[in-house]
Amino acid sequence: MRVEETMDLVASSLGVRKMDVLVSPNVIIVTTDDGTEFRTKARRVSRMHVQMALLNSVMQWVAQLGAGQLTAAQYRQGLDALSHPKPEYNAWLVAAMVGVACAGFCAIVRGALVSDPITHPSGLLDLFSTFVGSSLAMLLRQQMLKKKLNLLMNAFVSGFVAFAIAGVVARAIHAPNPDYCAAASVLFLVPGVPLLNAIDELFSGGVVIGLSRGIQTVLVFIAIAISVLSANLALKLAGLS
C-alpha cells in the first residue's frame, strides 16, 4: 500500500496522466500512460529488509517533490544517492542495543516468575548472560546479512548461537535462572514488522503479498524454534543443561 501511494504521488508530481502499479512479493511492475503511448517496466525485489531510516529519507524526497521544491532531475539524483545507503549506526552499537533489549525482556520474564528483584546480584547475572548471548549473535547475524545468507538459515544459526552462548555464560557465572537467559536471548529474531505488515496487507486487500509475508514469518518462527531445540539439546549433550 505504501509503495502504491508513494508512486502515485511521484507520478502526479511529474505530470504522468495515468499509472498502474503491481506490487508482488518479489517484483514491482509499473505501466505509465501519457495518452499517446505507454511504457511498462518491471523491477525484481531481491531482498526485503526493515530499514526505517532509508524509508524516512525516501519519504522526505517524495514530499519535497510533491511540494514543488525539486525538479525531476534533482529527485532522480537524490534517489540515486539513497540506493547505496550507509548504516545509520555502528554494528557494535546495534549489537549492544539488541543485547540491552533482550536483557530487558529477560528482566520482565524474571520479574514475573522469580521472587528476588532484578537489582539483586543474582538478577544482574541473569541479565548479563542474556546480553552477551544476544549481542554476539547479533554481530554474527549482521555478517550473514552482508553475505546474503538465506533468511531461514540466518534465523537458525543466529538463534542457535544466541541460545547456546547465553546458556553457557549463565552456567559459567552461576546465574540462578539460565533457562530464562537463554530463552530471552533469541528475542531479537522475532519478525515483528513483517508479521504486522502481513496482517495489515490482508485486511487492506493485498492478499498475495499478505500471504507471502505471513508464510515467511511463520517459517522464521519455525526456524527459531528449531534453533532453540537444537541448542538446548547441544547443551544437554555437553552436560551444561
Protein backbone atom coordinates (compact mmCIF):
# COMPACT_ATOMS: atom_id res chain seq x y z
CA MET A 1 0.00 0.00 0.00
CA ARG A 2 2.83 2.40 0.86
CA VAL A 3 4.61 1.62 -2.41
CA GLU A 4 1.47 2.25 -4.47
CA GLU A 5 0.61 5.51 -2.67
CA THR A 6 4.18 6.79 -2.93
CA MET A 7 4.48 6.02 -6.64
CA ASP A 8 1.09 7.60 -7.36
CA LEU A 9 2.23 10.79 -5.61
CA VAL A 10 5.50 10.84 -7.57
CA ALA A 11 3.68 10.20 -10.86
CA SER A 12 1.22 13.05 -10.32
CA SER A 13 4.07 15.38 -9.29
CA LEU A 14 5.93 14.57 -12.53
CA GLY A 15 2.87 15.06 -14.72
CA VAL A 16 2.11 11.43 -15.54
CA ARG A 17 -1.52 11.20 -16.67
CA LYS A 18 -2.14 7.60 -15.66
CA MET A 19 -0.11 4.93 -13.91
CA ASP A 20 -0.83 1.36 -12.85
CA VAL A 21 1.36 -0.37 -10.26
CA LEU A 22 1.51 -4.06 -9.40
CA VAL A 23 3.39 -4.91 -6.22
CA SER A 24 4.14 -8.57 -5.53
CA PRO A 25 6.50 -10.21 -3.01
CA ASN A 26 9.46 -10.24 -5.41
CA VAL A 27 8.71 -7.85 -8.28
CA ILE A 28 7.24 -4.39 -8.95
CA ILE A 29 5.63 -3.77 -12.36
CA VAL A 30 4.74 -0.23 -13.41
CA THR A 31 2.87 0.98 -16.50
CA THR A 32 2.65 4.71 -17.33
CA ASP A 33 0.31 6.21 -19.93
CA ASP A 34 0.51 9.78 -21.24
CA GLY A 35 -2.45 9.43 -23.62
CA THR A 36 -0.44 8.67 -26.76
CA GLU A 37 1.86 5.88 -25.63
CA PHE A 38 2.54 3.74 -22.61
CA ARG A 39 5.63 2.22 -21.04
CA THR A 40 5.95 -0.79 -18.78
CA LYS A 41 8.89 -1.62 -16.53
CA ALA A 42 9.49 -4.45 -14.08
CA ARG A 43 11.99 -4.46 -11.25
CA ARG A 44 12.89 -7.51 -9.21
CA VAL A 45 12.91 -7.21 -5.41
CA SER A 46 15.80 -9.40 -4.30
CA ARG A 47 15.59 -8.81 -0.54
CA MET A 48 13.12 -7.30 1.89
CA HIS A 49 14.72 -5.71 4.94
CA VAL A 50 13.45 -3.35 7.60
CA GLN A 51 15.31 -0.07 7.01
CA MET A 52 13.30 2.69 8.64
CA ALA A 53 15.99 5.34 8.14
CA LEU A 54 16.04 4.67 4.38
CA LEU A 55 12.24 4.70 4.24
CA ASN A 56 12.18 8.05 6.03
CA SER A 57 14.73 9.51 3.59
CA VAL A 58 12.70 8.39 0.58
CA MET A 59 9.51 9.89 2.00
CA GLN A 60 11.31 13.20 2.59
CA TRP A 61 12.41 13.34 -1.06
CA VAL A 62 8.88 12.45 -2.21
CA ALA A 63 7.39 15.19 0.00
CA GLN A 64 9.79 17.78 -1.42
CA LEU A 65 8.94 16.69 -4.96
CA GLY A 66 5.21 16.90 -4.23
CA ALA A 67 5.67 20.41 -2.80
CA GLY A 68 7.42 21.55 -5.99
CA GLN A 69 10.75 22.06 -4.25
CA LEU A 70 12.63 19.67 -6.57
CA THR A 71 12.95 19.15 -10.29
CA ALA A 72 12.71 15.68 -11.80
CA ALA A 73 16.49 15.64 -12.28
CA GLN A 74 17.14 16.62 -8.65
CA TYR A 75 14.70 13.98 -7.43
CA ARG A 76 16.38 11.30 -9.54
CA GLN A 77 19.78 12.37 -8.26
CA GLY A 78 18.56 12.16 -4.67
CA LEU A 79 17.17 8.65 -5.13
CA ASP A 80 20.41 7.52 -6.78
CA ALA A 81 22.30 8.69 -3.70
CA LEU A 82 19.94 6.66 -1.49
CA SER A 83 20.48 3.47 -3.48
CA HIS A 84 23.76 2.87 -1.62
CA PRO A 85 22.90 3.92 1.93
CA LYS A 86 25.43 3.95 4.73
CA PRO A 87 24.45 2.32 8.03
CA GLU A 88 22.95 4.79 10.47
CA TYR A 89 24.70 3.18 13.42
CA ASN A 90 27.89 1.24 14.07
CA ALA A 91 27.46 -2.56 14.02
CA TRP A 92 28.82 -2.85 17.55
CA LEU A 93 26.34 -0.26 18.83
CA VAL A 94 23.45 -2.08 17.17
CA ALA A 95 24.57 -5.37 18.71
CA ALA A 96 24.87 -3.76 22.14
CA MET A 97 21.38 -2.24 21.93
CA VAL A 98 19.97 -5.60 20.84
CA GLY A 99 21.66 -7.13 23.89
CA VAL A 100 20.10 -4.49 26.15
CA ALA A 101 16.64 -5.12 24.65
CA CYS A 102 16.88 -8.89 25.13
CA ALA A 103 18.19 -8.39 28.68
CA GLY A 104 15.19 -6.17 29.31
CA PHE A 105 12.88 -8.94 28.15
CA CYS A 106 14.68 -11.33 30.48
CA ALA A 107 14.10 -8.85 33.30
CA ILE A 108 10.36 -8.76 32.54
CA VAL A 109 10.05 -12.55 32.47
CA ARG A 110 12.27 -12.92 35.50
CA GLY A 111 10.36 -10.28 37.44
CA ALA A 112 7.10 -12.09 36.83
CA LEU A 113 8.37 -15.54 37.81
CA VAL A 114 11.18 -15.05 40.34
CA SER A 115 10.85 -13.62 43.83
CA ASP A 116 14.19 -11.76 44.21
CA PRO A 117 14.42 -8.34 42.48
CA ILE A 118 16.37 -7.61 39.31
CA THR A 119 18.77 -5.35 41.19
CA HIS A 120 19.91 -8.28 43.29
CA PRO A 121 23.38 -9.53 42.20
CA SER A 122 21.88 -12.81 41.03
CA GLY A 123 19.42 -10.90 38.88
CA LEU A 124 22.21 -8.93 37.25
CA LEU A 125 23.95 -12.20 36.39
CA ASP A 126 20.83 -13.30 34.51
CA LEU A 127 20.72 -10.05 32.55
CA PHE A 128 24.43 -10.16 31.78
CA SER A 129 24.18 -13.70 30.38
CA THR A 130 21.31 -12.69 28.09
CA PHE A 131 23.16 -9.55 26.99
CA VAL A 132 26.30 -11.47 26.00
CA GLY A 133 24.44 -14.19 24.08
CA SER A 134 22.16 -11.88 22.10
CA SER A 135 24.87 -9.28 21.36
CA LEU A 136 27.35 -11.77 19.95
CA ALA A 137 24.63 -13.50 17.95
CA MET A 138 23.55 -10.14 16.52
CA LEU A 139 27.10 -9.42 15.36
CA LEU A 140 27.09 -12.78 13.58
CA ARG A 141 23.66 -12.09 12.11
CA GLN A 142 24.86 -8.78 10.65
CA GLN A 143 27.75 -10.53 8.92
CA MET A 144 25.43 -13.17 7.50
CA LEU A 145 23.12 -10.44 6.19
CA LYS A 146 26.08 -8.87 4.38
CA LYS A 147 26.85 -12.26 2.83
CA LYS A 148 23.16 -12.54 1.80
CA LEU A 149 22.75 -15.85 3.57
CA ASN A 150 19.32 -17.45 3.27
CA LEU A 151 16.82 -15.80 5.65
CA LEU A 152 15.79 -19.03 7.36
CA MET A 153 19.37 -20.26 7.73
CA ASN A 154 20.28 -16.87 9.18
CA ALA A 155 17.50 -17.18 11.77
CA PHE A 156 18.51 -20.73 12.65
CA VAL A 157 22.24 -20.00 13.07
CA SER A 158 21.62 -16.76 14.98
CA GLY A 159 19.13 -18.42 17.30
CA PHE A 160 21.40 -21.39 17.94
CA VAL A 161 24.39 -19.18 18.74
CA ALA A 162 22.40 -16.80 20.97
CA PHE A 163 20.77 -19.60 22.98
CA ALA A 164 23.97 -21.61 23.33
CA ILE A 165 26.20 -18.69 24.36
CA ALA A 166 23.64 -17.30 26.83
CA GLY A 167 23.22 -20.76 28.35
CA VAL A 168 26.95 -21.39 28.63
CA VAL A 169 27.68 -17.95 30.11
CA ALA A 170 24.80 -18.27 32.60
CA ARG A 171 26.14 -21.57 33.89
CA ALA A 172 29.76 -20.38 33.88
CA ILE A 173 28.98 -17.40 36.13
CA HIS A 174 26.34 -19.35 38.13
CA ALA A 175 23.37 -17.23 37.12
CA PRO A 176 20.31 -18.52 39.01
CA ASN A 177 17.97 -18.75 36.00
CA PRO A 178 19.93 -19.93 32.96
CA ASP A 179 16.80 -21.11 31.16
CA TYR A 180 15.28 -17.62 31.23
CA CYS A 181 18.57 -16.15 29.99
CA ALA A 182 18.81 -18.50 27.03
CA ALA A 183 15.17 -18.11 26.05
CA ALA A 184 15.27 -14.30 26.21
CA SER A 185 18.45 -14.13 24.10
CA VAL A 186 16.62 -15.06 20.86
CA LEU A 187 14.01 -12.30 21.15
CA PHE A 188 15.75 -10.13 18.52
CA LEU A 189 14.94 -12.71 15.84
CA VAL A 190 11.16 -12.35 16.18
CA PRO A 191 9.94 -10.86 12.84
CA GLY A 192 7.57 -8.31 14.33
CA VAL A 193 7.47 -5.84 11.43
CA PRO A 194 6.82 -8.46 8.68
CA LEU A 195 4.11 -10.01 10.87
CA LEU A 196 2.32 -6.68 11.34
CA ASN A 197 2.72 -5.88 7.65
CA ALA A 198 1.24 -9.25 6.70
CA ILE A 199 -1.84 -8.64 8.85
CA ASP A 200 -2.19 -5.08 7.53
CA GLU A 201 -1.92 -6.22 3.90
CA LEU A 202 -4.50 -8.98 4.37
CA PHE A 203 -7.02 -6.59 5.93
CA SER A 204 -6.41 -3.92 3.25
CA GLY A 205 -6.91 -6.35 0.34
CA GLY A 206 -3.32 -7.19 -0.57
CA VAL A 207 -3.92 -10.94 -0.33
CA VAL A 208 -0.94 -12.17 -2.35
CA ILE A 209 1.77 -10.14 -0.61
CA GLY A 210 -0.01 -10.52 2.74
CA LEU A 211 0.02 -14.31 2.47
CA SER A 212 3.63 -14.24 1.27
CA ARG A 213 4.78 -12.18 4.24
CA GLY A 214 2.67 -14.27 6.60
CA ILE A 215 4.13 -17.56 5.39
CA GLN A 216 7.64 -16.11 5.53
CA THR A 217 7.01 -15.03 9.13
CA VAL A 218 5.73 -18.49 10.11
CA LEU A 219 8.82 -20.11 8.55
CA VAL A 220 11.10 -17.77 10.51
CA PHE A 221 9.28 -18.71 13.73
CA ILE A 222 9.78 -22.38 12.87
CA ALA A 223 13.49 -21.78 12.21
CA ILE A 224 13.81 -20.04 15.59
CA ALA A 225 12.04 -22.92 17.33
CA ILE A 226 14.30 -25.50 15.70
CA SER A 227 17.40 -23.47 16.62
CA VAL A 228 16.32 -23.28 20.27
CA LEU A 229 15.57 -27.01 20.43
CA SER A 230 18.89 -27.83 18.76
CA ALA A 231 20.91 -25.54 21.05
CA ASN A 232 19.15 -26.91 24.13
CA LEU A 233 19.94 -30.46 23.02
CA ALA A 234 23.58 -29.50 22.40
CA LEU A 235 23.83 -28.03 25.91
CA LYS A 236 22.36 -31.20 27.39
CA LEU A 237 24.78 -33.42 25.49
CA ALA A 238 27.62 -31.22 26.74
CA GLY A 239 26.36 -31.55 30.32
CA LEU A 240 25.55 -27.85 30.57
CA SER A 241 21.78 -28.09 30.89
